[in-house]
Amino acid sequence: MRIFDSKKDNFKEFLKKRRLGQLDFSDKVQQKLKIIRSDVISKGDKALSAYTEKFDKIKLKPEDFLIKEKDKAKAVNFLTKGERKSIENTIKRVYDYHSKQKIQTWFSNNNCGLITGQLISPLQKAGIYVPGGKASYPSSVIMNAVPASAAGVKDIIMVTPPGGKLNDYVIAAAVLCGISKIFRIGGPHAVFALAYGTETIPRVDKIAGPGNIYVATAKKMVYGDVDIDMIAGPSEIAIICDESADPELVSIDMMSQAEHDEMAISTVISDSRPIIEKIKKILPKLIKNEKRKEIIEKSINSNASLVITDSLSESIDIANELAPEHLELYVKDPFEKLFLIKNAGAVFLGGNTPEALGDYVAGPSHVLPTGGTARFFSPLDTLSFLKRTSVISSNLDFLLESAGDVEFFSGVEGLSAHGESVSFRVKKAKKTIKKPPCLR
């Protein structure tokens, strides 16, 4: 864990490195994935079976990809009443939050013969990638699928690595979220299957969900052929605290971020040197009692930082520069400072709002921009699964009125047929207008 004084040169170097992001899309990885992508496109299910055996050490025939209804029912029945209630309560909170974001089709009439508007429609198919590996995440299922459902997406398809045994909580969460199909396929080949389709796995319009560097690189490679949520890097938290903060709670919040994985990033920014000194002493003691102690230690030792500033205003400026995925405002009157925050995936206000509430139960999706991309990316939400189509309708009056403007632009840009598409209509219209009525 590093301690920085915001005025020292080494802190400026720290900021410079953080601006570069945390993901390295190396040519070596991309070259490997190009071969996998080509195989999935050309060989379909056969390639998925081959790569599942190669990477997951499991033999699966195409008819084994789709999780059967009896296995889905078994996963739901595995839940206790309390567990099912926790999942259903969370789904409801997430749905209630995201349903408020839905926008409607609209039209505007300028009363001069022009009607414009926007047609709002949900994507037809969404693909959800849910990672396996070191842990299983039913919350990730909810936070990816429910915003799509709130948007009106009818066909939500999930892929997840097969592993030795599928996680009942993950499958049950998917069933309770209304996901239509769940496939036992993971890794970059699963991303390519969603992007291009195979005999068994349908092609989707958008892929959402986190994964390792191979999954992230695969998503980057298919972007443009299909939409994606974002490229997710290591999870991160920044905590702005003043002298009112409880250093033990700040330390616990750092650990809650660090236990994600060894690359997770925890940063505390404070104008109170005593708070920083207390955290430095408390944190190592707390780590000793944690179940994921080794992961937390590696994360804290490699990626955690304590930054001492001269003022709360400077702390906020630094946080805006970092543009963190999660930002806790653990200060007096946090609502007063909220509108000074320009760059963050999610903001947590006050000492009673730990980041874990956002990870699990508060309502907003926990799929958030990482690596400083909160400067220009937004969280995954209902809008992420809605398309906006422009609508234009002109009557003859507006066509005549705007003809000169169209001819100006088409002439300047050397696109004469553009101008003619209007001028020919104008000539025909004028002939029709001038034609005398038929006399009998």
Protein backbone atom coordinates (compact mmCIF):
# COMPACT_ATOMS: atom_id res chain seq x y z
CA MET A 1 0.00 0.00 0.00
CA ARG A 2 1.37 3.36 -1.04
CA ILE A 3 0.92 6.69 0.73
CA PHE A 4 1.07 9.82 -1.41
CA ASP A 5 1.21 13.51 -0.70
CA SER A 6 -0.81 15.13 -3.49
CA LYS A 7 1.82 17.86 -3.91
CA LYS A 8 4.75 15.49 -4.50
CA ASP A 9 6.08 14.48 -7.91
CA ASN A 10 5.58 10.78 -7.30
CA PHE A 11 1.83 11.39 -7.01
CA LYS A 12 1.78 13.11 -10.40
CA GLU A 13 3.47 10.02 -11.84
CA PHE A 14 0.85 7.85 -10.12
CA LEU A 15 -1.95 9.83 -11.76
CA LYS A 16 -0.24 9.59 -15.14
CA LYS A 17 -0.10 5.78 -14.90
CA ARG A 18 -3.73 5.58 -13.81
CA ARG A 19 -4.77 7.58 -16.88
CA LEU A 20 -3.41 4.80 -19.08
CA GLY A 21 -6.02 2.37 -17.75
CA GLN A 22 -5.47 -1.15 -16.48
CA LEU A 23 -6.19 -3.41 -19.45
CA ASP A 24 -3.49 -4.49 -21.87
CA PHE A 25 -4.98 -5.71 -25.14
CA SER A 26 -1.78 -7.29 -26.33
CA ASP A 27 -1.28 -8.33 -29.97
CA LYS A 28 -0.43 -11.83 -28.74
CA VAL A 29 -3.85 -12.25 -27.12
CA GLN A 30 -5.66 -10.77 -30.11
CA GLN A 31 -3.86 -13.04 -32.56
CA LYS A 32 -4.96 -16.10 -30.57
CA LEU A 33 -8.52 -14.86 -30.44
CA LYS A 34 -8.65 -14.15 -34.18
CA ILE A 35 -8.15 -17.87 -34.78
CA ILE A 36 -10.90 -18.74 -32.29
CA ARG A 37 -13.26 -16.21 -33.86
CA SER A 38 -12.62 -17.57 -37.34
CA ASP A 39 -13.27 -21.12 -36.13
CA VAL A 40 -16.53 -20.19 -34.41
CA ILE A 41 -17.77 -18.32 -37.50
CA SER A 42 -16.87 -21.13 -39.90
CA LYS A 43 -17.43 -24.25 -37.77
CA GLY A 44 -20.13 -23.13 -35.35
CA ASP A 45 -21.06 -25.63 -32.64
CA LYS A 46 -18.20 -27.93 -33.59
CA ALA A 47 -15.72 -25.19 -32.67
CA LEU A 48 -17.53 -24.50 -29.37
CA SER A 49 -17.25 -28.18 -28.39
CA ALA A 50 -13.55 -28.23 -29.29
CA TYR A 51 -12.68 -25.08 -27.34
CA THR A 52 -14.77 -26.12 -24.33
CA GLU A 53 -12.77 -29.34 -24.18
CA LYS A 54 -9.50 -27.46 -24.66
CA PHE A 55 -10.05 -24.69 -22.11
CA ASP A 56 -12.56 -26.15 -19.63
CA LYS A 57 -11.45 -29.79 -19.92
CA ILE A 58 -15.08 -30.82 -20.39
CA LYS A 59 -16.55 -32.72 -23.33
CA LEU A 60 -19.86 -31.27 -24.44
CA LYS A 61 -21.94 -32.13 -27.48
CA PRO A 62 -24.02 -29.32 -29.00
CA GLU A 63 -27.18 -30.88 -27.54
CA ASP A 64 -25.58 -30.48 -24.09
CA PHE A 65 -24.98 -26.73 -24.41
CA LEU A 66 -28.49 -25.67 -23.43
CA ILE A 67 -29.40 -26.17 -19.79
CA LYS A 68 -32.53 -28.29 -19.62
CA GLU A 69 -35.77 -27.20 -17.97
CA LYS A 70 -35.51 -29.88 -15.29
CA ASP A 71 -32.06 -28.59 -14.27
CA LYS A 72 -33.35 -25.03 -14.12
CA ALA A 73 -36.25 -26.14 -11.92
CA LYS A 74 -33.84 -28.09 -9.73
CA ALA A 75 -31.70 -24.97 -9.20
CA VAL A 76 -34.72 -22.90 -8.16
CA ASN A 77 -35.93 -25.64 -5.80
CA PHE A 78 -32.43 -25.75 -4.27
CA LEU A 79 -33.04 -22.29 -2.78
CA THR A 80 -34.37 -21.91 0.73
CA LYS A 81 -37.37 -19.63 1.18
CA GLY A 82 -35.10 -16.94 2.58
CA GLU A 83 -32.61 -17.21 -0.30
CA ARG A 84 -35.35 -17.04 -2.91
CA LYS A 85 -36.85 -14.01 -1.17
CA SER A 86 -33.46 -12.23 -1.19
CA ILE A 87 -33.09 -12.83 -4.93
CA GLU A 88 -36.67 -11.80 -5.71
CA ASN A 89 -36.43 -8.68 -3.51
CA THR A 90 -33.28 -7.63 -5.33
CA ILE A 91 -34.79 -8.28 -8.76
CA LYS A 92 -37.76 -6.09 -7.79
CA ARG A 93 -35.56 -3.23 -6.55
CA VAL A 94 -33.39 -3.35 -9.67
CA TYR A 95 -36.45 -3.52 -11.94
CA ASP A 96 -38.20 -0.64 -10.12
CA TYR A 97 -35.11 1.55 -10.49
CA HIS A 98 -34.50 0.78 -14.15
CA SER A 99 -38.16 0.93 -15.21
CA LYS A 100 -38.07 4.64 -14.31
CA GLN A 101 -35.39 5.18 -16.95
CA LYS A 102 -37.46 4.02 -19.90
CA ILE A 103 -38.09 6.73 -22.47
CA GLN A 104 -41.03 6.98 -24.85
CA THR A 105 -41.49 7.53 -28.56
CA TRP A 106 -42.18 11.21 -29.26
CA PHE A 107 -43.16 13.51 -32.14
CA SER A 108 -42.88 17.27 -32.64
CA ASN A 109 -44.81 19.40 -35.15
CA ASN A 110 -43.21 22.73 -36.09
CA ASN A 111 -46.53 23.91 -37.59
CA CYS A 112 -44.76 24.65 -40.89
CA GLY A 113 -45.26 21.27 -42.49
CA LEU A 114 -42.52 19.34 -40.74
CA ILE A 115 -43.03 16.57 -38.23
CA THR A 116 -39.98 15.06 -36.54
CA GLY A 117 -39.69 12.54 -33.80
CA GLN A 118 -37.92 9.59 -32.31
CA LEU A 119 -39.08 5.99 -32.36
CA ILE A 120 -37.97 4.14 -29.22
CA SER A 121 -37.73 0.36 -29.43
CA PRO A 122 -35.96 -2.32 -27.41
CA LEU A 123 -33.27 -4.55 -28.83
CA GLN A 124 -34.61 -7.91 -29.99
CA LYS A 125 -31.97 -10.13 -28.39
CA ALA A 126 -29.46 -9.51 -25.59
CA GLY A 127 -26.63 -11.81 -24.56
CA ILE A 128 -25.47 -11.94 -20.93
CA TYR A 129 -22.02 -13.28 -20.07
CA VAL A 130 -21.75 -14.48 -16.47
CA PRO A 131 -18.23 -15.50 -15.40
CA GLY A 132 -17.29 -18.57 -13.42
CA GLY A 133 -13.74 -19.05 -12.14
CA LYS A 134 -12.82 -17.93 -8.63
CA ALA A 135 -16.40 -17.20 -7.62
CA SER A 136 -19.95 -17.38 -8.95
CA TYR A 137 -22.03 -14.25 -9.12
CA PRO A 138 -25.84 -14.46 -9.09
CA SER A 139 -25.84 -10.69 -8.56
CA SER A 140 -24.10 -10.30 -11.93
CA VAL A 141 -27.00 -12.15 -13.57
CA ILE A 142 -29.51 -9.74 -12.03
CA MET A 143 -27.56 -6.56 -12.73
CA ASN A 144 -27.13 -7.42 -16.42
CA ALA A 145 -30.47 -9.06 -17.20
CA VAL A 146 -32.96 -6.87 -15.34
CA PRO A 147 -32.11 -3.58 -17.13
CA ALA A 148 -32.62 -5.43 -20.42
CA SER A 149 -35.95 -6.75 -19.18
CA ALA A 150 -36.99 -3.26 -18.05
CA ALA A 151 -36.20 -1.99 -21.54
CA GLY A 152 -38.55 -4.57 -23.04
CA VAL A 153 -36.01 -7.01 -24.50
CA LYS A 154 -37.99 -10.22 -25.02
CA ASP A 155 -35.16 -12.66 -25.69
CA ILE A 156 -32.35 -12.64 -23.10
CA ILE A 157 -29.73 -15.35 -23.56
CA MET A 158 -27.09 -16.24 -20.99
CA VAL A 159 -23.76 -17.99 -21.38
CA THR A 160 -21.64 -19.15 -18.47
CA PRO A 161 -18.58 -21.40 -18.22
CA PRO A 162 -19.53 -25.06 -17.59
CA GLY A 163 -16.96 -25.73 -14.84
CA GLY A 164 -17.17 -28.98 -12.90
CA LYS A 165 -20.70 -28.17 -11.66
CA LEU A 166 -22.97 -25.29 -12.52
CA ASN A 167 -23.74 -22.95 -9.65
CA ASP A 168 -27.35 -23.35 -8.51
CA TYR A 169 -27.56 -19.74 -7.34
CA VAL A 170 -26.49 -18.43 -10.74
CA ILE A 171 -28.96 -20.65 -12.60
CA ALA A 172 -31.78 -19.88 -10.17
CA ALA A 173 -31.16 -16.13 -10.48
CA ALA A 174 -31.29 -16.45 -14.27
CA VAL A 175 -34.60 -18.33 -14.12
CA LEU A 176 -36.14 -15.80 -11.71
CA CYS A 177 -34.95 -12.95 -13.97
CA GLY A 178 -36.85 -14.52 -16.88
CA ILE A 179 -33.80 -15.36 -19.00
CA SER A 180 -35.08 -17.48 -21.87
CA LYS A 181 -32.05 -19.68 -22.60
CA ILE A 182 -28.94 -20.55 -20.57
CA PHE A 183 -25.94 -22.14 -22.30
CA ARG A 184 -23.04 -23.96 -20.65
CA ILE A 185 -20.42 -22.15 -22.71
CA GLY A 186 -17.82 -19.66 -21.45
CA GLY A 187 -14.63 -17.95 -22.52
CA PRO A 188 -13.96 -15.94 -25.68
CA HIS A 189 -15.59 -18.58 -27.89
CA ALA A 190 -18.88 -17.93 -26.05
CA VAL A 191 -18.59 -14.21 -26.86
CA PHE A 192 -17.99 -15.00 -30.53
CA ALA A 193 -20.97 -17.39 -30.53
CA LEU A 194 -23.25 -14.64 -29.22
CA ALA A 195 -21.86 -12.14 -31.70
CA TYR A 196 -22.15 -14.29 -34.85
CA GLY A 197 -24.46 -17.14 -33.93
CA THR A 198 -24.02 -20.91 -34.32
CA GLU A 199 -26.43 -23.76 -35.05
CA THR A 200 -27.39 -23.80 -31.36
CA ILE A 201 -26.65 -20.34 -29.96
CA PRO A 202 -28.58 -17.45 -31.54
CA ARG A 203 -26.90 -14.25 -32.65
CA VAL A 204 -27.71 -11.34 -30.33
CA ASP A 205 -27.80 -7.57 -30.73
CA LYS A 206 -25.81 -6.71 -27.61
CA ILE A 207 -23.44 -8.52 -25.24
CA ALA A 208 -23.17 -7.47 -21.59
CA GLY A 209 -21.29 -8.88 -18.65
CA PRO A 210 -17.75 -9.05 -17.22
CA GLY A 211 -14.98 -11.55 -17.81
CA ASN A 212 -11.23 -12.06 -17.83
CA ILE A 213 -8.80 -10.44 -20.27
CA TYR A 214 -9.69 -12.98 -22.98
CA VAL A 215 -13.40 -12.29 -22.65
CA ALA A 216 -12.80 -8.53 -22.53
CA THR A 217 -10.60 -8.69 -25.63
CA ALA A 218 -13.17 -10.81 -27.46
CA LYS A 219 -15.85 -8.21 -26.67
CA LYS A 220 -13.58 -5.48 -27.98
CA MET A 221 -13.04 -7.47 -31.19
CA VAL A 222 -16.76 -8.01 -31.91
CA TYR A 223 -17.79 -4.42 -31.17
CA GLY A 224 -19.21 -3.03 -34.39
CA ASP A 225 -20.61 -6.38 -35.49
CA VAL A 226 -22.64 -6.34 -32.28
CA ASP A 227 -23.02 -3.81 -29.49
CA ILE A 228 -21.37 -4.35 -26.10
CA ASP A 229 -21.89 -2.80 -22.71
CA MET A 230 -18.28 -1.69 -22.11
CA ILE A 231 -14.79 -3.11 -21.65
CA ALA A 232 -14.58 -3.90 -17.95
CA GLY A 233 -11.18 -3.70 -16.28
CA PRO A 234 -10.27 -4.45 -12.67
CA SER A 235 -12.88 -3.32 -10.16
CA GLU A 236 -12.04 -0.13 -8.27
CA ILE A 237 -13.16 2.15 -5.49
CA ALA A 238 -12.16 5.64 -4.41
CA ILE A 239 -13.20 6.89 -0.99
CA ILE A 240 -13.16 10.61 -0.23
CA CYS A 241 -13.19 11.10 3.52
CA ASP A 242 -12.74 13.99 5.93
CA GLU A 243 -12.11 14.05 9.67
CA SER A 244 -15.70 12.89 10.33
CA ALA A 245 -15.08 9.46 8.77
CA ASP A 246 -14.64 6.28 10.78
CA PRO A 247 -11.20 4.90 9.73
CA GLU A 248 -12.25 1.33 10.57
CA LEU A 249 -15.27 1.50 8.24
CA VAL A 250 -13.15 3.07 5.51
CA SER A 251 -10.67 0.19 5.91
CA ILE A 252 -13.46 -2.38 5.64
CA ASP A 253 -14.75 -0.73 2.47
CA MET A 254 -11.26 -0.94 0.99
CA MET A 255 -11.18 -4.66 1.79
CA SER A 256 -14.62 -5.22 0.28
CA GLN A 257 -13.23 -3.94 -2.99
CA ALA A 258 -9.88 -5.72 -2.71
CA GLU A 259 -11.45 -9.15 -2.22
CA HIS A 260 -12.78 -9.15 -5.80
CA ASP A 261 -9.36 -10.14 -7.13
CA GLU A 262 -5.67 -9.34 -6.89
CA MET A 263 -5.96 -6.57 -9.51
CA ALA A 264 -8.74 -4.66 -7.70
CA ILE A 265 -7.89 -1.05 -6.90
CA SER A 266 -8.69 0.76 -3.64
CA THR A 267 -7.89 4.45 -3.19
CA VAL A 268 -8.56 6.67 -0.18
CA ILE A 269 -8.33 10.44 -0.65
CA SER A 270 -8.44 12.61 2.46
CA ASP A 271 -7.49 16.04 3.74
CA SER A 272 -7.12 14.50 7.22
CA ARG A 273 -3.64 13.10 7.86
CA PRO A 274 -4.75 11.49 11.17
CA ILE A 275 -7.42 9.50 9.28
CA ILE A 276 -4.83 8.29 6.78
CA GLU A 277 -2.44 7.25 9.57
CA LYS A 278 -5.19 5.35 11.38
CA ILE A 279 -6.19 3.48 8.22
CA LYS A 280 -2.56 2.54 7.68
CA LYS A 281 -2.51 0.88 11.12
CA ILE A 282 -6.02 -0.63 11.16
CA LEU A 283 -6.15 -2.19 7.70
CA PRO A 284 -3.41 -4.86 8.12
CA LYS A 285 -5.04 -6.05 11.37
CA LEU A 286 -8.48 -6.39 9.76
CA ILE A 287 -7.14 -8.30 6.75
CA LYS A 288 -5.87 -11.13 8.98
CA ASN A 289 -9.44 -12.17 9.83
CA GLU A 290 -10.80 -12.26 6.26
CA LYS A 291 -11.67 -15.48 4.39
CA ARG A 292 -10.10 -14.14 1.17
CA LYS A 293 -7.08 -12.85 3.06
CA GLU A 294 -4.50 -13.77 0.41
CA ILE A 295 -6.39 -12.06 -2.41
CA ILE A 296 -7.01 -8.96 -0.28
CA GLU A 297 -3.36 -8.74 0.77
CA LYS A 298 -2.13 -8.96 -2.82
CA SER A 299 -4.63 -6.36 -3.96
CA ILE A 300 -3.87 -3.94 -1.12
CA ASN A 301 -0.09 -4.39 -1.37
CA SER A 302 -0.04 -3.94 -5.14
CA ASN A 303 -2.85 -1.53 -5.90
CA ALA A 304 -4.10 0.33 -2.81
CA SER A 305 -3.22 3.98 -2.27
CA LEU A 306 -3.75 6.53 0.50
CA VAL A 307 -3.63 10.10 -0.78
CA ILE A 308 -3.21 13.10 1.54
CA THR A 309 -4.58 16.40 0.25
CA ASP A 310 -4.73 19.98 1.52
CA SER A 311 -8.51 20.35 1.28
CA LEU A 312 -11.75 18.56 0.54
CA SER A 313 -11.96 20.53 -2.69
CA GLU A 314 -8.62 19.11 -3.81
CA SER A 315 -9.76 15.60 -2.84
CA ILE A 316 -12.78 15.98 -5.12
CA ASP A 317 -10.59 17.28 -7.98
CA ILE A 318 -8.37 14.21 -7.69
CA ALA A 319 -11.39 11.89 -7.66
CA ASN A 320 -12.69 13.56 -10.82
CA GLU A 321 -9.29 13.00 -12.40
CA LEU A 322 -9.37 9.30 -11.44
CA ALA A 323 -12.99 8.88 -12.65
CA PRO A 324 -13.45 5.76 -10.50
CA GLU A 325 -15.96 2.98 -10.95
CA HIS A 326 -17.23 3.42 -7.37
CA LEU A 327 -16.87 6.64 -5.38
CA GLU A 328 -17.79 6.91 -1.71
CA LEU A 329 -18.33 10.41 -0.34
CA TYR A 330 -17.71 9.70 3.35
CA VAL A 331 -17.82 13.35 4.44
CA LYS A 332 -20.02 15.79 6.32
CA ASP A 333 -23.05 16.86 4.25
CA PRO A 334 -22.27 14.58 1.26
CA PHE A 335 -25.31 15.79 -0.71
CA GLU A 336 -23.79 19.29 -0.74
CA LYS A 337 -20.69 17.89 -2.47
CA LEU A 338 -22.52 15.57 -4.89
CA PHE A 339 -22.81 18.04 -7.75
CA LEU A 340 -19.07 18.71 -7.63
CA ILE A 341 -18.54 15.10 -8.77
CA LYS A 342 -18.09 15.07 -12.55
CA ASN A 343 -16.66 11.61 -13.22
CA ALA A 344 -17.75 8.43 -11.42
CA GLY A 345 -19.63 5.27 -12.29
CA ALA A 346 -21.66 5.37 -9.07
CA VAL A 347 -21.56 7.67 -6.05
CA PHE A 348 -22.31 6.46 -2.51
CA LEU A 349 -23.28 9.20 -0.09
CA GLY A 350 -22.42 9.12 3.61
CA GLY A 351 -21.10 6.64 6.14
CA ASN A 352 -24.20 4.44 6.02
CA THR A 353 -23.90 3.77 2.28
CA PRO A 354 -21.11 1.26 1.70
CA GLU A 355 -20.38 0.28 -1.88
CA ALA A 356 -21.67 -3.24 -1.16
CA LEU A 357 -25.24 -1.88 -1.19
CA GLY A 358 -24.72 -0.93 -4.82
CA ASP A 359 -23.14 -4.29 -5.63
CA TYR A 360 -26.17 -6.18 -4.41
CA VAL A 361 -29.43 -4.57 -3.39
CA ALA A 362 -29.83 -0.82 -3.87
CA GLY A 363 -31.31 -0.91 -7.39
CA PRO A 364 -28.90 0.63 -9.94
CA SER A 365 -26.99 -1.94 -11.99
CA HIS A 366 -23.53 -2.61 -10.64
CA VAL A 367 -22.16 -2.84 -14.21
CA LEU A 368 -20.11 0.36 -14.18
CA PRO A 369 -17.31 1.95 -16.21
CA THR A 370 -13.79 1.21 -14.95
CA GLY A 371 -10.25 2.41 -15.64
CA GLY A 372 -11.16 6.10 -15.84
CA THR A 373 -13.77 5.53 -18.55
CA ALA A 374 -16.43 7.10 -16.32
CA ARG A 375 -15.23 10.31 -18.01
CA PHE A 376 -17.34 9.31 -21.04
CA PHE A 377 -19.15 6.00 -20.26
CA SER A 378 -22.34 5.57 -18.25
CA PRO A 379 -23.48 2.58 -16.18
CA LEU A 380 -25.35 -0.26 -17.85
CA ASP A 381 -29.02 0.65 -17.64
CA THR A 382 -32.34 0.56 -19.45
CA LEU A 383 -31.15 3.02 -22.09
CA SER A 384 -28.35 0.59 -22.95
CA PHE A 385 -30.96 -1.78 -24.39
CA LEU A 386 -33.10 0.77 -26.24
CA LYS A 387 -32.65 1.90 -29.84
CA ARG A 388 -33.55 5.40 -30.94
CA THR A 389 -34.71 5.78 -34.55
CA SER A 390 -35.16 9.24 -36.07
CA VAL A 391 -38.52 9.96 -37.76
CA ILE A 392 -39.08 12.74 -40.35
CA SER A 393 -42.24 13.65 -42.25
CA SER A 394 -42.53 16.67 -44.56
CA ASN A 395 -45.55 18.04 -46.39
CA LEU A 396 -45.36 20.03 -49.61
CA ASP A 397 -45.20 23.40 -47.83
CA PHE A 398 -42.02 22.49 -45.96
CA LEU A 399 -40.51 20.88 -49.08
CA LEU A 400 -40.97 24.13 -50.99
CA GLU A 401 -39.72 26.23 -48.08
CA SER A 402 -36.53 24.23 -47.53
CA ALA A 403 -35.62 23.51 -51.16
CA GLY A 404 -33.18 26.42 -51.41
CA ASP A 405 -31.36 25.32 -48.26
CA VAL A 406 -30.99 21.76 -49.55
CA GLU A 407 -29.65 23.03 -52.89
CA PHE A 408 -27.13 25.21 -51.05
CA PHE A 409 -25.67 22.33 -49.06
CA SER A 410 -25.73 19.89 -51.98
CA GLY A 411 -23.96 22.43 -54.18
CA VAL A 412 -21.26 23.18 -51.60
CA GLU A 413 -20.66 19.48 -51.00
CA GLY A 414 -20.75 18.50 -54.67
CA LEU A 415 -23.68 16.11 -54.28
CA SER A 416 -25.94 17.29 -57.08
CA ALA A 417 -28.38 14.37 -56.91
CA HIS A 418 -29.20 15.37 -53.35
CA GLY A 419 -30.33 18.76 -54.58
CA GLU A 420 -32.16 17.27 -57.54
CA SER A 421 -34.14 14.93 -55.28
CA VAL A 422 -35.74 18.09 -53.91
CA SER A 423 -35.74 20.37 -56.97
CA PHE A 424 -37.45 17.74 -59.17
CA ARG A 425 -40.20 17.39 -56.59
CA VAL A 426 -40.57 21.18 -56.45
CA LYS A 427 -40.92 21.42 -60.27
CA LYS A 428 -43.51 18.63 -60.36
CA ALA A 429 -45.41 20.22 -57.50
CA LYS A 430 -45.48 23.64 -59.20
CA LYS A 431 -46.80 22.10 -62.43
CA THR A 432 -49.55 20.41 -60.48
CA ILE A 433 -50.41 23.61 -58.66
CA LYS A 434 -50.55 25.69 -61.90
CA LYS A 435 -52.60 23.14 -63.88
CA PRO A 436 -56.04 24.65 -64.61
CA PRO A 437 -59.11 22.88 -63.41
CA CYS A 438 -60.92 20.66 -65.90
CA LEU A 439 -63.97 22.41 -67.44
CA ARG A 440 -67.04 20.46 -68.47
